[in-house]
Amino acid sequence: YRFVNGDDTDFRYSNIEIINKYHGVIKSTEKGAPIYQAKIHINGDYIIGRYSTEDEAAIAYNKAADLLKDKGFNKNYPQNYIDGMDEISYAAIYQRIRISKKLIELVF
């Protein structure tokens, strides 16, 4: 987050701008359109993928964290909670979302 007016003691909602809403998700711009990159730290940062929505990137991060935990990586990866999304929609995105081959190869 950042303080809109530059005053880091002014905690009014109107003065706080959320920059990264989800853990492991970074917003950038490509050809004038927003793109969301998901990455996870193992022994350095691994790019999970690039997605058109922030929610997809957050779910991809969750999927990568689940995969790593299932394969015995003993790191406490925080899970992203997608506010306003029901479990059926979450599950549908979780199933169809793809993560990078490099990360898959590392795990298997």
C-alpha atoms as a PDB file:
ATOM      1  CA  TYR A   1       0.000   0.000   0.000  1.00  0.00           C
ATOM      2  CA  ARG A   2       0.962   3.617  -0.226  1.00  0.00           C
ATOM      3  CA  PHE A   3      -0.306   6.813   1.333  1.00  0.00           C
ATOM      4  CA  VAL A   4      -1.968   8.971  -1.313  1.00  0.00           C
ATOM      5  CA  ASN A   5      -1.106  12.281   0.364  1.00  0.00           C
ATOM      6  CA  GLY A   6       2.380  11.143   1.417  1.00  0.00           C
ATOM      7  CA  ASP A   7       1.551  11.325   5.140  1.00  0.00           C
ATOM      8  CA  ASP A   8       2.377   7.913   6.616  1.00  0.00           C
ATOM      9  CA  THR A   9       0.494   8.746   9.822  1.00  0.00           C
ATOM     10  CA  ASP A  10      -2.817   9.426   8.013  1.00  0.00           C
ATOM     11  CA  PHE A  11      -4.633   6.074   8.076  1.00  0.00           C
ATOM     12  CA  ARG A  12      -7.960   7.234   6.652  1.00  0.00           C
ATOM     13  CA  TYR A  13      -9.319   4.818   4.042  1.00  0.00           C
ATOM     14  CA  SER A  14      -9.325   7.586   1.452  1.00  0.00           C
ATOM     15  CA  ASN A  15      -5.574   8.081   1.964  1.00  0.00           C
ATOM     16  CA  ILE A  16      -4.548   4.424   1.556  1.00  0.00           C
ATOM     17  CA  GLU A  17      -4.065   2.965  -1.905  1.00  0.00           C
ATOM     18  CA  ILE A  18      -3.648  -0.799  -2.102  1.00  0.00           C
ATOM     19  CA  ILE A  19      -0.877  -1.660  -4.550  1.00  0.00           C
ATOM     20  CA  ASN A  20      -0.587  -5.438  -4.188  1.00  0.00           C
ATOM     21  CA  LYS A  21      -3.871  -6.896  -3.024  1.00  0.00           C
ATOM     22  CA  TYR A  22      -2.663 -10.511  -3.082  1.00  0.00           C
ATOM     23  CA  HIS A  23       0.489 -12.269  -1.948  1.00  0.00           C
ATOM     24  CA  GLY A  24       2.792 -13.182  -4.838  1.00  0.00           C
ATOM     25  CA  VAL A  25       0.975 -11.017  -7.410  1.00  0.00           C
ATOM     26  CA  ILE A  26       2.502  -8.031  -9.165  1.00  0.00           C
ATOM     27  CA  LYS A  27       0.623  -5.742 -11.547  1.00  0.00           C
ATOM     28  CA  SER A  28       2.376  -4.355 -14.598  1.00  0.00           C
ATOM     29  CA  THR A  29       1.373  -2.953 -17.961  1.00  0.00           C
ATOM     30  CA  GLU A  30       2.011  -4.512 -21.343  1.00  0.00           C
ATOM     31  CA  LYS A  31       1.028  -2.661 -24.516  1.00  0.00           C
ATOM     32  CA  GLY A  32      -1.182  -0.378 -22.438  1.00  0.00           C
ATOM     33  CA  ALA A  33      -3.128  -3.230 -20.819  1.00  0.00           C
ATOM     34  CA  PRO A  34      -2.767  -4.406 -17.225  1.00  0.00           C
ATOM     35  CA  ILE A  35      -1.155  -7.820 -16.735  1.00  0.00           C
ATOM     36  CA  TYR A  36      -0.716  -9.691 -13.470  1.00  0.00           C
ATOM     37  CA  GLN A  37       2.358 -11.798 -12.816  1.00  0.00           C
ATOM     38  CA  ALA A  38       2.317 -14.450 -10.103  1.00  0.00           C
ATOM     39  CA  LYS A  39       5.561 -15.611  -8.532  1.00  0.00           C
ATOM     40  CA  ILE A  40       6.576 -17.726  -5.569  1.00  0.00           C
ATOM     41  CA  HIS A  41       9.787 -17.916  -3.569  1.00  0.00           C
ATOM     42  CA  ILE A  42      11.490 -21.308  -3.264  1.00  0.00           C
ATOM     43  CA  ASN A  43      15.268 -20.865  -3.545  1.00  0.00           C
ATOM     44  CA  GLY A  44      14.800 -17.581  -5.320  1.00  0.00           C
ATOM     45  CA  ASP A  45      11.694 -16.366  -7.105  1.00  0.00           C
ATOM     46  CA  TYR A  46       9.958 -18.585  -9.662  1.00  0.00           C
ATOM     47  CA  ILE A  47       7.446 -17.097 -12.063  1.00  0.00           C
ATOM     48  CA  ILE A  48       4.219 -19.060 -11.938  1.00  0.00           C
ATOM     49  CA  GLY A  49       2.705 -17.273 -14.910  1.00  0.00           C
ATOM     50  CA  ARG A  50       1.168 -14.112 -16.309  1.00  0.00           C
ATOM     51  CA  TYR A  51      -2.586 -13.655 -16.155  1.00  0.00           C
ATOM     52  CA  SER A  52      -5.175 -11.202 -17.386  1.00  0.00           C
ATOM     53  CA  THR A  53      -6.869 -10.746 -14.014  1.00  0.00           C
ATOM     54  CA  GLU A  54      -5.603 -10.232 -10.502  1.00  0.00           C
ATOM     55  CA  ASP A  55      -7.877 -12.982  -9.184  1.00  0.00           C
ATOM     56  CA  GLU A  56      -6.477 -15.530 -11.662  1.00  0.00           C
ATOM     57  CA  ALA A  57      -2.919 -14.662 -10.620  1.00  0.00           C
ATOM     58  CA  ALA A  58      -3.834 -15.027  -6.939  1.00  0.00           C
ATOM     59  CA  ILE A  59      -5.441 -18.410  -7.582  1.00  0.00           C
ATOM     60  CA  ALA A  60      -2.388 -19.516  -9.598  1.00  0.00           C
ATOM     61  CA  TYR A  61      -0.208 -18.584  -6.612  1.00  0.00           C
ATOM     62  CA  ASN A  62      -2.467 -20.672  -4.346  1.00  0.00           C
ATOM     63  CA  LYS A  63      -2.274 -23.606  -6.755  1.00  0.00           C
ATOM     64  CA  ALA A  64       1.533 -23.422  -6.896  1.00  0.00           C
ATOM     65  CA  ALA A  65       1.713 -23.210  -3.087  1.00  0.00           C
ATOM     66  CA  ASP A  66      -0.568 -26.265  -2.782  1.00  0.00           C
ATOM     67  CA  LEU A  67       1.571 -28.196  -5.265  1.00  0.00           C
ATOM     68  CA  LEU A  68       4.773 -27.362  -3.373  1.00  0.00           C
ATOM     69  CA  LYS A  69       3.248 -28.349  -0.031  1.00  0.00           C
ATOM     70  CA  ASP A  70       2.009 -31.641  -1.511  1.00  0.00           C
ATOM     71  CA  LYS A  71       5.534 -32.393  -2.741  1.00  0.00           C
ATOM     72  CA  GLY A  72       7.103 -31.834   0.660  1.00  0.00           C
ATOM     73  CA  PHE A  73       8.361 -28.250   0.465  1.00  0.00           C
ATOM     74  CA  ASN A  74       8.158 -27.232   4.105  1.00  0.00           C
ATOM     75  CA  LYS A  75       7.609 -23.518   3.774  1.00  0.00           C
ATOM     76  CA  ASN A  76       4.627 -21.663   5.132  1.00  0.00           C
ATOM     77  CA  TYR A  77       3.136 -20.172   1.960  1.00  0.00           C
ATOM     78  CA  PRO A  78       0.260 -17.815   2.769  1.00  0.00           C
ATOM     79  CA  GLN A  79      -2.964 -18.491   0.897  1.00  0.00           C
ATOM     80  CA  ASN A  80      -4.776 -15.707  -0.912  1.00  0.00           C
ATOM     81  CA  TYR A  81      -8.439 -15.231  -0.076  1.00  0.00           C
ATOM     82  CA  ILE A  82     -10.456 -14.009  -3.049  1.00  0.00           C
ATOM     83  CA  ASP A  83     -13.094 -11.724  -1.583  1.00  0.00           C
ATOM     84  CA  GLY A  84     -16.506 -11.984  -3.208  1.00  0.00           C
ATOM     85  CA  MET A  85     -15.815 -15.234  -5.100  1.00  0.00           C
ATOM     86  CA  ASP A  86     -17.853 -18.327  -4.302  1.00  0.00           C
ATOM     87  CA  GLU A  87     -16.230 -21.745  -3.970  1.00  0.00           C
ATOM     88  CA  ILE A  88     -17.615 -23.069  -7.264  1.00  0.00           C
ATOM     89  CA  SER A  89     -16.122 -20.190  -9.262  1.00  0.00           C
ATOM     90  CA  TYR A  90     -12.849 -20.520  -7.357  1.00  0.00           C
ATOM     91  CA  ALA A  91     -12.691 -24.274  -8.056  1.00  0.00           C
ATOM     92  CA  ALA A  92     -13.403 -23.750 -11.762  1.00  0.00           C
ATOM     93  CA  ILE A  93     -10.582 -21.227 -12.118  1.00  0.00           C
ATOM     94  CA  TYR A  94      -8.255 -23.361  -9.972  1.00  0.00           C
ATOM     95  CA  GLN A  95      -8.792 -26.353 -12.273  1.00  0.00           C
ATOM     96  CA  ARG A  96      -8.272 -24.503 -15.560  1.00  0.00           C
ATOM     97  CA  ILE A  97      -5.414 -22.206 -14.527  1.00  0.00           C
ATOM     98  CA  ARG A  98      -1.965 -23.207 -15.785  1.00  0.00           C
ATOM     99  CA  ILE A  99       1.326 -22.745 -14.004  1.00  0.00           C
ATOM    100  CA  SER A 100       4.777 -22.580 -15.580  1.00  0.00           C
ATOM    101  CA  LYS A 101       6.511 -25.696 -16.860  1.00  0.00           C
ATOM    102  CA  LYS A 102       9.690 -24.655 -15.062  1.00  0.00           C
ATOM    103  CA  LEU A 103       7.917 -24.791 -11.719  1.00  0.00           C
ATOM    104  CA  ILE A 104       6.271 -28.134 -12.583  1.00  0.00           C
ATOM    105  CA  GLU A 105       9.670 -29.594 -13.580  1.00  0.00           C
ATOM    106  CA  LEU A 106      11.190 -28.415 -10.300  1.00  0.00           C
ATOM    107  CA  VAL A 107       8.549 -30.250  -8.310  1.00  0.00           C
ATOM    108  CA  PHE A 108       8.536 -33.492 -10.310  1.00  0.00           C
END
